[in-house]
N, C-alpha and C. Protein backbone atom coordinates (compact mmCIF):
# COMPACT_ATOMS: atom_id res chain seq x y z
N UNK A 1 241.57 9.09 103.74
CA UNK A 1 240.59 8.08 104.09
C UNK A 1 240.78 7.70 105.56
N UNK A 2 239.70 7.71 106.31
CA UNK A 2 239.76 7.36 107.74
C UNK A 2 240.06 5.88 107.92
N UNK A 3 240.92 5.61 108.90
CA UNK A 3 241.24 4.25 109.29
C UNK A 3 240.50 3.97 110.60
N UNK A 4 239.62 2.98 110.56
CA UNK A 4 238.78 2.66 111.71
C UNK A 4 239.09 1.27 112.22
N UNK A 5 239.25 1.15 113.52
CA UNK A 5 239.38 -0.16 114.14
C UNK A 5 238.00 -0.57 114.61
N UNK A 6 237.54 -1.72 114.16
CA UNK A 6 236.18 -2.17 114.47
C UNK A 6 236.26 -3.24 115.56
N UNK A 7 235.61 -2.96 116.68
CA UNK A 7 235.56 -3.90 117.79
C UNK A 7 234.73 -5.13 117.38
N UNK A 8 234.99 -6.23 118.04
CA UNK A 8 234.34 -7.50 117.69
C UNK A 8 232.82 -7.40 117.78
N UNK A 9 232.30 -6.63 118.71
CA UNK A 9 230.84 -6.56 118.84
C UNK A 9 230.17 -6.00 117.58
N UNK A 10 230.83 -5.10 116.89
CA UNK A 10 230.28 -4.54 115.65
C UNK A 10 230.30 -5.60 114.54
N UNK A 11 231.37 -6.38 114.49
CA UNK A 11 231.46 -7.46 113.50
C UNK A 11 230.36 -8.48 113.73
N UNK A 12 230.13 -8.84 114.98
CA UNK A 12 229.08 -9.82 115.28
C UNK A 12 227.70 -9.24 114.97
N UNK A 13 227.51 -7.94 115.22
CA UNK A 13 226.25 -7.29 114.84
C UNK A 13 225.99 -7.49 113.35
N UNK A 14 227.03 -7.33 112.55
CA UNK A 14 226.90 -7.50 111.10
C UNK A 14 226.62 -8.95 110.73
N UNK A 15 227.48 -9.85 111.18
CA UNK A 15 227.39 -11.24 110.75
C UNK A 15 226.17 -11.98 111.28
N UNK A 16 225.72 -11.60 112.47
CA UNK A 16 224.54 -12.24 113.05
C UNK A 16 223.26 -11.43 112.80
N UNK A 17 223.44 -10.27 112.15
CA UNK A 17 222.31 -9.37 111.89
C UNK A 17 221.52 -9.09 113.18
N UNK A 18 222.28 -8.71 114.23
CA UNK A 18 221.67 -8.44 115.53
C UNK A 18 220.94 -7.10 115.48
N UNK A 19 219.67 -7.16 115.78
CA UNK A 19 218.85 -5.96 115.86
C UNK A 19 219.01 -5.34 117.24
N UNK A 20 218.95 -4.05 117.36
CA UNK A 20 218.75 -3.03 116.32
C UNK A 20 220.07 -2.50 115.76
N UNK A 21 221.18 -3.20 116.00
CA UNK A 21 222.50 -2.67 115.70
C UNK A 21 223.00 -2.99 114.29
N UNK A 22 222.41 -3.98 113.65
CA UNK A 22 222.98 -4.45 112.38
C UNK A 22 222.90 -3.41 111.27
N UNK A 23 221.91 -2.55 111.27
CA UNK A 23 221.81 -1.56 110.19
C UNK A 23 223.01 -0.62 110.17
N UNK A 24 223.43 -0.16 111.34
CA UNK A 24 224.62 0.70 111.40
C UNK A 24 225.87 -0.08 110.98
N UNK A 25 225.97 -1.33 111.40
CA UNK A 25 227.12 -2.15 111.00
C UNK A 25 227.13 -2.35 109.49
N UNK A 26 225.97 -2.61 108.90
CA UNK A 26 225.89 -2.77 107.45
C UNK A 26 226.34 -1.51 106.74
N UNK A 27 225.88 -0.36 107.22
CA UNK A 27 226.28 0.91 106.60
C UNK A 27 227.79 1.14 106.72
N UNK A 28 228.35 0.82 107.87
CA UNK A 28 229.78 0.99 108.08
C UNK A 28 230.59 0.10 107.13
N UNK A 29 230.20 -1.16 107.02
CA UNK A 29 230.92 -2.08 106.14
C UNK A 29 230.68 -1.76 104.67
N UNK A 30 229.54 -1.17 104.35
CA UNK A 30 229.28 -0.70 102.99
C UNK A 30 230.23 0.44 102.64
N UNK A 31 230.52 1.30 103.59
CA UNK A 31 231.50 2.37 103.37
C UNK A 31 232.86 1.76 103.03
N UNK A 32 233.23 0.69 103.70
CA UNK A 32 234.50 0.02 103.40
C UNK A 32 234.46 -0.59 102.00
N UNK A 33 233.36 -1.22 101.67
CA UNK A 33 233.21 -1.81 100.34
C UNK A 33 233.35 -0.74 99.26
N UNK A 34 232.80 0.44 99.53
CA UNK A 34 232.86 1.56 98.58
C UNK A 34 234.15 2.37 98.71
N UNK A 35 235.09 1.87 99.49
CA UNK A 35 236.42 2.49 99.67
C UNK A 35 236.34 3.91 100.23
N UNK A 36 235.40 4.14 101.14
CA UNK A 36 235.28 5.44 101.80
C UNK A 36 235.98 5.44 103.16
N UNK A 37 236.17 4.26 103.72
CA UNK A 37 236.92 4.09 104.96
C UNK A 37 237.73 2.80 104.83
N UNK A 38 238.73 2.69 105.68
CA UNK A 38 239.54 1.48 105.76
C UNK A 38 239.27 0.87 107.14
N UNK A 39 238.76 -0.35 107.16
CA UNK A 39 238.42 -1.01 108.42
C UNK A 39 239.52 -1.99 108.83
N UNK A 40 239.83 -1.98 110.12
CA UNK A 40 240.81 -2.89 110.70
C UNK A 40 240.16 -3.67 111.83
N UNK A 41 240.54 -4.93 111.97
CA UNK A 41 240.14 -5.76 113.10
C UNK A 41 241.37 -6.50 113.59
N UNK A 42 241.26 -7.06 114.77
CA UNK A 42 242.35 -7.88 115.28
C UNK A 42 242.13 -9.32 114.84
N UNK A 43 243.18 -10.12 114.82
CA UNK A 43 243.01 -11.55 114.52
C UNK A 43 242.05 -12.21 115.50
N UNK A 44 242.03 -11.71 116.73
CA UNK A 44 241.15 -12.24 117.76
C UNK A 44 239.68 -12.13 117.35
N UNK A 45 239.35 -11.12 116.57
CA UNK A 45 237.97 -10.94 116.13
C UNK A 45 237.52 -12.13 115.28
N UNK A 46 238.41 -12.62 114.44
CA UNK A 46 238.06 -13.78 113.61
C UNK A 46 237.86 -15.02 114.48
N UNK A 47 238.72 -15.20 115.49
CA UNK A 47 238.59 -16.36 116.37
C UNK A 47 237.28 -16.29 117.18
N UNK A 48 237.00 -15.13 117.73
CA UNK A 48 235.76 -14.96 118.52
C UNK A 48 234.54 -15.13 117.63
N UNK A 49 234.57 -14.53 116.45
CA UNK A 49 233.43 -14.64 115.53
C UNK A 49 233.21 -16.10 115.13
N UNK A 50 234.28 -16.82 114.85
CA UNK A 50 234.11 -18.23 114.45
C UNK A 50 233.46 -19.03 115.57
N UNK A 51 233.82 -18.75 116.80
CA UNK A 51 233.23 -19.44 117.94
C UNK A 51 231.74 -19.09 118.08
N UNK A 52 231.42 -17.80 117.99
CA UNK A 52 230.03 -17.37 118.18
C UNK A 52 229.12 -17.76 117.02
N UNK A 53 229.69 -17.98 115.86
CA UNK A 53 228.90 -18.31 114.67
C UNK A 53 228.83 -19.81 114.39
N UNK A 54 229.38 -20.63 115.26
CA UNK A 54 229.50 -22.06 115.00
C UNK A 54 228.17 -22.75 114.70
N UNK A 55 227.06 -22.16 115.12
CA UNK A 55 225.74 -22.75 114.83
C UNK A 55 225.45 -22.78 113.33
N UNK A 56 226.21 -22.00 112.56
CA UNK A 56 226.03 -21.96 111.10
C UNK A 56 226.77 -23.10 110.40
N UNK A 57 227.49 -23.93 111.16
CA UNK A 57 228.25 -25.02 110.58
C UNK A 57 229.56 -24.51 109.99
N UNK A 58 230.49 -25.43 109.77
CA UNK A 58 231.82 -25.06 109.31
C UNK A 58 231.79 -24.29 108.00
N UNK A 59 231.03 -24.80 107.03
CA UNK A 59 230.98 -24.11 105.73
C UNK A 59 230.35 -22.73 105.85
N UNK A 60 229.29 -22.62 106.66
CA UNK A 60 228.64 -21.32 106.86
C UNK A 60 229.56 -20.32 107.52
N UNK A 61 230.27 -20.77 108.55
CA UNK A 61 231.21 -19.90 109.27
C UNK A 61 232.32 -19.46 108.31
N UNK A 62 232.87 -20.41 107.57
CA UNK A 62 233.96 -20.07 106.65
C UNK A 62 233.49 -19.08 105.58
N UNK A 63 232.27 -19.22 105.11
CA UNK A 63 231.74 -18.28 104.11
C UNK A 63 231.60 -16.89 104.72
N UNK A 64 231.06 -16.81 105.93
CA UNK A 64 230.90 -15.51 106.59
C UNK A 64 232.26 -14.85 106.84
N UNK A 65 233.22 -15.63 107.33
CA UNK A 65 234.55 -15.08 107.60
C UNK A 65 235.28 -14.69 106.32
N UNK A 66 235.07 -15.45 105.27
CA UNK A 66 235.68 -15.10 103.98
C UNK A 66 235.13 -13.78 103.46
N UNK A 67 233.82 -13.60 103.57
CA UNK A 67 233.21 -12.34 103.15
C UNK A 67 233.72 -11.18 104.00
N UNK A 68 233.82 -11.40 105.31
CA UNK A 68 234.34 -10.38 106.20
C UNK A 68 235.77 -10.00 105.80
N UNK A 69 236.58 -11.01 105.53
CA UNK A 69 237.99 -10.77 105.20
C UNK A 69 238.15 -9.89 103.97
N UNK A 70 237.19 -9.92 103.06
CA UNK A 70 237.26 -9.09 101.86
C UNK A 70 237.11 -7.60 102.19
N UNK A 71 236.54 -7.31 103.37
CA UNK A 71 236.22 -5.92 103.72
C UNK A 71 237.15 -5.31 104.77
N UNK A 72 237.96 -6.15 105.42
CA UNK A 72 238.77 -5.63 106.53
C UNK A 72 240.25 -5.93 106.33
N UNK A 73 241.05 -5.14 107.02
CA UNK A 73 242.48 -5.37 107.13
C UNK A 73 242.74 -5.95 108.52
N UNK A 74 243.74 -6.80 108.62
CA UNK A 74 244.04 -7.44 109.90
C UNK A 74 245.19 -6.67 110.55
N UNK A 75 244.92 -6.11 111.72
CA UNK A 75 245.95 -5.40 112.48
C UNK A 75 246.76 -6.43 113.26
N UNK A 76 248.04 -6.22 113.33
CA UNK A 76 248.93 -7.17 114.00
C UNK A 76 248.76 -7.14 115.51
N UNK A 77 248.74 -8.33 116.08
CA UNK A 77 248.76 -8.49 117.53
C UNK A 77 250.06 -9.21 117.84
N UNK A 78 251.01 -8.47 118.41
CA UNK A 78 252.33 -9.04 118.64
C UNK A 78 252.67 -9.03 120.13
N UNK A 79 253.93 -9.32 120.43
CA UNK A 79 254.38 -9.37 121.83
C UNK A 79 254.16 -8.04 122.54
N UNK A 80 254.43 -6.95 121.84
CA UNK A 80 254.27 -5.63 122.46
C UNK A 80 252.80 -5.39 122.83
N UNK A 81 251.88 -5.78 121.96
CA UNK A 81 250.45 -5.63 122.25
C UNK A 81 250.09 -6.45 123.49
N UNK A 82 250.57 -7.67 123.57
CA UNK A 82 250.28 -8.52 124.73
C UNK A 82 250.89 -7.93 125.99
N UNK A 83 252.14 -7.51 125.92
CA UNK A 83 252.81 -6.93 127.10
C UNK A 83 252.08 -5.67 127.57
N UNK A 84 251.71 -4.79 126.63
CA UNK A 84 250.97 -3.58 127.00
C UNK A 84 249.61 -3.92 127.60
N UNK A 85 248.97 -4.93 127.06
CA UNK A 85 247.65 -5.33 127.57
C UNK A 85 247.76 -5.87 128.99
N UNK A 86 248.78 -6.67 129.24
CA UNK A 86 248.98 -7.22 130.59
C UNK A 86 249.26 -6.09 131.58
N UNK A 87 250.06 -5.11 131.19
CA UNK A 87 250.45 -4.02 132.09
C UNK A 87 249.41 -2.91 132.19
N UNK A 88 248.37 -2.98 131.39
CA UNK A 88 247.39 -1.89 131.33
C UNK A 88 246.45 -1.88 132.53
N UNK A 89 245.72 -0.79 132.63
CA UNK A 89 244.71 -0.67 133.69
C UNK A 89 243.33 -1.11 133.21
N UNK A 90 243.25 -1.66 132.00
CA UNK A 90 241.96 -2.15 131.51
C UNK A 90 241.49 -3.30 132.40
N UNK A 91 240.24 -3.25 132.85
CA UNK A 91 239.75 -4.35 133.67
C UNK A 91 239.50 -5.63 132.86
N UNK A 92 239.31 -5.49 131.55
CA UNK A 92 239.03 -6.63 130.68
C UNK A 92 240.22 -6.81 129.73
N UNK A 93 240.87 -7.96 129.82
CA UNK A 93 242.07 -8.21 129.01
C UNK A 93 241.77 -8.15 127.52
N UNK A 94 240.63 -8.69 127.09
CA UNK A 94 240.27 -8.68 125.67
C UNK A 94 240.14 -7.25 125.15
N UNK A 95 239.53 -6.37 125.94
CA UNK A 95 239.42 -4.96 125.54
C UNK A 95 240.81 -4.32 125.44
N UNK A 96 241.68 -4.66 126.37
CA UNK A 96 243.05 -4.13 126.33
C UNK A 96 243.75 -4.59 125.05
N UNK A 97 243.58 -5.84 124.69
CA UNK A 97 244.20 -6.34 123.46
C UNK A 97 243.64 -5.62 122.24
N UNK A 98 242.34 -5.41 122.22
CA UNK A 98 241.74 -4.69 121.10
C UNK A 98 242.34 -3.28 121.02
N UNK A 99 242.41 -2.61 122.16
CA UNK A 99 242.90 -1.24 122.20
C UNK A 99 244.35 -1.14 121.71
N UNK A 100 245.23 -1.98 122.26
CA UNK A 100 246.64 -1.89 121.88
C UNK A 100 246.88 -2.38 120.45
N UNK A 101 246.04 -3.27 119.97
CA UNK A 101 246.11 -3.66 118.56
C UNK A 101 245.73 -2.47 117.69
N UNK A 102 244.68 -1.75 118.08
CA UNK A 102 244.26 -0.55 117.34
C UNK A 102 245.36 0.50 117.34
N UNK A 103 245.97 0.73 118.49
CA UNK A 103 247.07 1.71 118.57
C UNK A 103 248.21 1.32 117.63
N UNK A 104 248.57 0.06 117.63
CA UNK A 104 249.70 -0.37 116.80
C UNK A 104 249.38 -0.24 115.30
N UNK A 105 248.11 -0.30 114.95
CA UNK A 105 247.71 -0.14 113.54
C UNK A 105 247.60 1.33 113.14
N UNK A 106 247.76 2.22 114.12
CA UNK A 106 247.70 3.67 113.85
C UNK A 106 246.39 4.09 113.20
N UNK A 107 245.29 3.58 113.78
CA UNK A 107 243.97 3.94 113.27
C UNK A 107 243.57 5.31 113.80
N UNK A 108 242.54 5.88 113.19
CA UNK A 108 242.05 7.20 113.60
C UNK A 108 241.00 7.10 114.71
N UNK A 109 240.18 6.06 114.68
CA UNK A 109 239.04 5.94 115.59
C UNK A 109 238.79 4.46 115.88
N UNK A 110 238.36 4.17 117.10
CA UNK A 110 237.87 2.84 117.44
C UNK A 110 236.34 2.90 117.41
N UNK A 111 235.74 1.94 116.71
CA UNK A 111 234.29 1.85 116.62
C UNK A 111 233.84 0.66 117.47
N UNK A 112 232.96 0.92 118.42
CA UNK A 112 232.48 -0.11 119.34
C UNK A 112 231.08 0.24 119.82
N UNK A 113 230.37 -0.71 120.36
CA UNK A 113 229.11 -0.41 121.04
C UNK A 113 229.34 -0.17 122.52
N UNK A 114 230.51 -0.51 123.01
CA UNK A 114 230.80 -0.41 124.44
C UNK A 114 231.86 0.65 124.69
N UNK A 115 231.48 1.90 124.55
CA UNK A 115 232.42 3.02 124.70
C UNK A 115 233.08 3.01 126.08
N UNK A 116 232.32 2.66 127.11
CA UNK A 116 232.87 2.67 128.47
C UNK A 116 234.04 1.70 128.63
N UNK A 117 234.12 0.68 127.79
CA UNK A 117 235.22 -0.28 127.88
C UNK A 117 236.56 0.35 127.50
N UNK A 118 236.52 1.51 126.86
CA UNK A 118 237.73 2.16 126.37
C UNK A 118 237.88 3.57 126.96
N UNK A 119 237.43 3.76 128.18
CA UNK A 119 237.37 5.11 128.76
C UNK A 119 238.74 5.79 128.90
N UNK A 120 239.81 5.05 128.99
CA UNK A 120 241.14 5.65 129.12
C UNK A 120 241.88 5.74 127.79
N UNK A 121 241.16 5.64 126.70
CA UNK A 121 241.77 5.60 125.38
C UNK A 121 242.38 6.94 124.98
N UNK A 122 243.51 6.85 124.30
CA UNK A 122 244.12 8.03 123.68
C UNK A 122 243.56 8.25 122.28
N UNK A 123 242.81 7.27 121.78
CA UNK A 123 242.15 7.38 120.47
C UNK A 123 240.69 7.76 120.67
N UNK A 124 240.10 8.46 119.70
CA UNK A 124 238.66 8.72 119.78
C UNK A 124 237.90 7.38 119.73
N UNK A 125 236.85 7.30 120.52
CA UNK A 125 236.00 6.11 120.57
C UNK A 125 234.60 6.54 120.18
N UNK A 126 233.98 5.81 119.26
CA UNK A 126 232.62 6.13 118.80
C UNK A 126 231.84 4.86 118.57
N UNK A 127 230.53 5.00 118.65
CA UNK A 127 229.67 3.93 118.17
C UNK A 127 229.60 4.05 116.65
N UNK A 128 229.14 3.01 116.01
CA UNK A 128 228.95 3.07 114.55
C UNK A 128 227.95 4.17 114.22
N UNK A 129 226.90 4.27 115.02
CA UNK A 129 225.89 5.31 114.79
C UNK A 129 226.49 6.71 114.86
N UNK A 130 227.33 6.95 115.85
CA UNK A 130 227.97 8.27 115.97
C UNK A 130 228.87 8.56 114.77
N UNK A 131 229.66 7.57 114.37
CA UNK A 131 230.54 7.77 113.23
C UNK A 131 229.74 8.04 111.96
N UNK A 132 228.70 7.28 111.75
CA UNK A 132 227.89 7.44 110.54
C UNK A 132 227.21 8.81 110.49
N UNK A 133 226.74 9.29 111.63
CA UNK A 133 226.09 10.61 111.66
C UNK A 133 227.10 11.71 111.39
N UNK A 134 228.34 11.51 111.79
CA UNK A 134 229.40 12.47 111.55
C UNK A 134 229.84 12.46 110.08
N UNK A 135 229.67 11.32 109.42
CA UNK A 135 230.15 11.13 108.06
C UNK A 135 229.15 11.53 106.98
N UNK A 136 227.96 11.88 107.38
CA UNK A 136 226.92 12.20 106.38
C UNK A 136 227.15 13.53 105.72
């Protein structure tokens, strides 16, 4: 079973039903529900999602995050991830944290809409659309 690290933008596409990206996100998370893939996110994804979803109110946000939690595994973000992120050549610290969190979780692929943010990755980087077309 493939282990996929899902970048925060894909999670927000799903939870906010952002067009035209939400359909691919729904299909990806459906694969996890059907136990065809194992999805990982960083703890930071939950914090960012809660902030971006705050217009739904506390109960709405908690319901969305609870549903998300049923479908994903949380990859550890520890001192080594932070140290590697600080020392990295990533121009965006958040992307560096996502990347090193994914590496520490030993995932097979990072799924994101912003492939260019991970151009120096040692892991394969794909959009949800690319991964889904490969998985058919």
